[in-house]
């Protein structure tokens, strides 16, 4: 999620590419592709330097920062139209186009939205879908300061108590 300043920064960054699908004067879909992973906070520069050295060195590791479509325009082909336009440029350049997908859209390793991306990419050129990594999200659920569950132990004591429990 981006705040207003981050959104504006992404749109004005000259290394990013934006595509907007319009219905008359109303935007109905938009995608933004970062063409310099060194300028993003979402990707590990070291990972791509190590795993895709030639693409990285050539500046061809690009990242789909976002792709959004008004739900009422999905069935009208806005996402396909937008993908064709954006992916044609990426295919022409020979880019490694990196994207991430929430579990709601990609519940399993195969199929899902990643397969849809591969199919859309194949409309403009030869493309192989490369699974990179899995990212897991966790939460720290802080108890209220007034909650009776607070142990009263300091961090060091708490860690020692956990270590003793794990040895059992």
Protein backbone atom coordinates (compact mmCIF):
# COMPACT_ATOMS: atom_id res chain seq x y z
CA UNK A 1 0.00 0.00 0.00
CA UNK A 2 1.26 3.45 -0.87
CA UNK A 3 0.44 6.71 0.80
CA UNK A 4 -0.30 9.78 -1.33
CA UNK A 5 3.33 10.98 -1.40
CA UNK A 6 4.67 7.53 -2.37
CA UNK A 7 2.03 7.25 -5.10
CA UNK A 8 3.02 10.64 -6.51
CA UNK A 9 6.73 9.74 -6.26
CA UNK A 10 6.13 6.54 -8.22
CA UNK A 11 4.24 8.38 -10.95
CA UNK A 12 6.88 11.08 -11.33
CA UNK A 13 9.92 8.78 -11.19
CA UNK A 14 11.36 8.91 -14.73
CA UNK A 15 12.51 5.28 -14.50
CA UNK A 16 8.92 4.07 -14.08
CA UNK A 17 6.42 3.43 -16.86
CA UNK A 18 2.71 3.96 -16.39
CA UNK A 19 -0.15 2.76 -18.59
CA UNK A 20 -3.70 3.97 -18.07
CA UNK A 21 -6.81 2.63 -19.79
CA UNK A 22 -9.49 5.28 -20.21
CA UNK A 23 -13.22 5.08 -20.85
CA UNK A 24 -13.84 8.56 -22.24
CA UNK A 25 -12.42 10.79 -19.50
CA UNK A 26 -12.48 8.18 -16.72
CA UNK A 27 -9.45 6.02 -15.87
CA UNK A 28 -10.55 2.39 -15.52
CA UNK A 29 -7.23 0.54 -15.28
CA UNK A 30 -3.62 1.38 -14.54
CA UNK A 31 -0.32 -0.41 -14.26
CA UNK A 32 3.08 0.89 -13.25
CA UNK A 33 6.35 -0.87 -14.07
CA UNK A 34 9.63 0.06 -12.35
CA UNK A 35 12.54 -0.32 -14.76
CA UNK A 36 15.27 0.23 -12.15
CA UNK A 37 15.04 -2.22 -9.25
CA UNK A 38 17.75 -0.28 -7.42
CA UNK A 39 15.20 2.51 -6.96
CA UNK A 40 12.43 0.32 -5.51
CA UNK A 41 11.98 -0.62 -1.89
CA UNK A 42 10.12 -3.80 -2.77
CA UNK A 43 12.80 -5.94 -4.39
CA UNK A 44 16.18 -7.17 -3.24
CA UNK A 45 18.86 -5.79 -5.52
CA UNK A 46 21.26 -8.48 -4.26
CA UNK A 47 18.84 -11.29 -5.12
CA UNK A 48 18.60 -10.26 -8.77
CA UNK A 49 22.28 -9.44 -9.01
CA UNK A 50 23.06 -12.99 -7.83
CA UNK A 51 20.32 -14.94 -9.66
CA UNK A 52 19.94 -12.98 -12.91
CA UNK A 53 23.35 -11.28 -13.30
CA UNK A 54 23.13 -10.53 -17.04
CA UNK A 55 19.60 -9.12 -16.89
CA UNK A 56 20.52 -7.11 -13.79
CA UNK A 57 23.72 -5.72 -15.31
CA UNK A 58 21.82 -4.74 -18.46
CA UNK A 59 19.09 -2.96 -16.46
CA UNK A 60 16.49 -5.44 -17.65
CA UNK A 61 15.03 -6.52 -14.31
CA UNK A 62 11.70 -4.69 -14.20
CA UNK A 63 8.96 -4.88 -11.57
CA UNK A 64 5.19 -4.51 -11.79
CA UNK A 65 4.64 -2.12 -8.89
CA UNK A 66 0.88 -2.25 -9.32
CA UNK A 67 -1.85 -3.22 -11.72
CA UNK A 68 -5.37 -2.14 -10.84
CA UNK A 69 -8.58 -2.50 -12.80
CA UNK A 70 -12.06 -1.25 -11.98
CA UNK A 71 -13.95 -4.53 -11.36
CA UNK A 72 -16.74 -3.53 -13.75
CA UNK A 73 -14.17 -3.28 -16.57
CA UNK A 74 -12.45 -6.64 -16.04
CA UNK A 75 -15.04 -8.47 -18.13
CA UNK A 76 -14.79 -5.78 -20.78
CA UNK A 77 -11.14 -6.64 -21.39
CA UNK A 78 -9.40 -3.68 -19.75
CA UNK A 79 -6.78 -5.90 -18.09
CA UNK A 80 -6.02 -7.75 -21.33
CA UNK A 81 -5.73 -4.49 -23.27
CA UNK A 82 -3.46 -2.96 -20.63
CA UNK A 83 -1.30 -6.09 -20.35
CA UNK A 84 -0.83 -6.24 -24.10
CA UNK A 85 0.39 -2.66 -24.24
CA UNK A 86 2.72 -2.91 -21.25
CA UNK A 87 4.05 -6.39 -21.96
CA UNK A 88 4.77 -5.59 -25.61
CA UNK A 89 7.36 -3.05 -24.45
CA UNK A 90 8.84 -5.50 -21.94
CA UNK A 91 9.01 -8.27 -24.56
CA UNK A 92 10.66 -5.97 -27.09
CA UNK A 93 13.36 -5.12 -24.56
CA UNK A 94 13.84 -8.71 -23.39
CA UNK A 95 13.11 -7.75 -19.77
CA UNK A 96 12.74 -10.05 -16.79
CA UNK A 97 9.36 -8.74 -15.62
CA UNK A 98 8.93 -9.48 -11.91
CA UNK A 99 5.51 -9.38 -10.24
CA UNK A 100 4.01 -10.53 -6.98
CA UNK A 101 0.58 -11.87 -6.31
CA UNK A 102 -1.53 -12.02 -3.13
CA UNK A 103 -2.66 -15.47 -2.05
CA UNK A 104 -6.28 -14.59 -2.86
CA UNK A 105 -5.27 -14.42 -6.53
CA UNK A 106 -2.67 -17.20 -6.35
CA UNK A 107 -3.74 -19.84 -3.80
CA UNK A 108 -1.51 -22.57 -5.28
CA UNK A 109 1.86 -22.67 -7.05
CA UNK A 110 0.26 -23.53 -10.40
CA UNK A 111 -2.57 -21.77 -12.19
CA UNK A 112 -4.16 -18.67 -10.76
CA UNK A 113 -3.25 -15.14 -11.69
CA UNK A 114 0.38 -16.08 -12.42
CA UNK A 115 -0.83 -18.37 -15.21
CA UNK A 116 -3.04 -15.56 -16.50
CA UNK A 117 0.03 -13.27 -16.59
CA UNK A 118 1.95 -15.92 -18.54
CA UNK A 119 -0.87 -16.27 -21.07
CA UNK A 120 -1.12 -12.51 -21.52
CA UNK A 121 2.65 -12.29 -21.98
CA UNK A 122 2.52 -14.95 -24.68
CA UNK A 123 0.20 -12.71 -26.68
CA UNK A 124 3.17 -10.42 -27.31
CA UNK A 125 6.18 -12.76 -27.24
CA UNK A 126 7.84 -15.91 -25.96
CA UNK A 127 7.72 -15.90 -22.16
CA UNK A 128 8.44 -18.44 -19.46
CA UNK A 129 6.92 -18.20 -15.98
CA UNK A 130 9.69 -18.50 -13.36
CA UNK A 131 8.57 -18.98 -9.74
CA UNK A 132 11.06 -16.97 -7.67
CA UNK A 133 10.28 -17.18 -3.96
CA UNK A 134 7.40 -17.38 -1.53
CA UNK A 135 6.79 -14.53 0.85
CA UNK A 136 4.93 -15.12 4.07
CA UNK A 137 3.30 -12.43 6.14
CA UNK A 138 3.12 -12.48 9.92
CA UNK A 139 1.68 -10.17 12.51
CA UNK A 140 2.76 -9.17 15.97
CA UNK A 141 -0.41 -8.86 17.98
CA UNK A 142 0.47 -6.47 20.77
CA UNK A 143 -1.68 -6.85 23.83
CA UNK A 144 -3.23 -3.79 25.36
CA UNK A 145 -1.19 -2.27 28.18
CA UNK A 146 -4.18 -2.99 30.42
CA UNK A 147 -4.47 -6.62 29.37
CA UNK A 148 -4.01 -9.26 32.11
CA UNK A 149 -1.93 -11.39 29.67
CA UNK A 150 1.09 -9.10 30.00
CA UNK A 151 3.69 -11.15 31.83
CA UNK A 152 5.60 -8.35 33.48
CA UNK A 153 8.91 -9.92 32.39
CA UNK A 154 11.43 -7.80 30.55
CA UNK A 155 12.56 -8.90 27.06
CA UNK A 156 15.65 -10.71 28.32
CA UNK A 157 13.69 -12.70 30.93
CA UNK A 158 10.99 -13.49 28.35
CA UNK A 159 13.56 -14.81 25.84
CA UNK A 160 15.20 -16.97 28.52
CA UNK A 161 11.81 -18.39 29.53
CA UNK A 162 11.00 -19.20 25.88
CA UNK A 163 14.39 -20.90 25.42
CA UNK A 164 13.77 -23.10 28.47
CA UNK A 165 10.30 -24.04 27.14
CA UNK A 166 11.71 -24.94 23.70
CA UNK A 167 14.34 -27.26 25.24
CA UNK A 168 11.60 -29.31 26.93
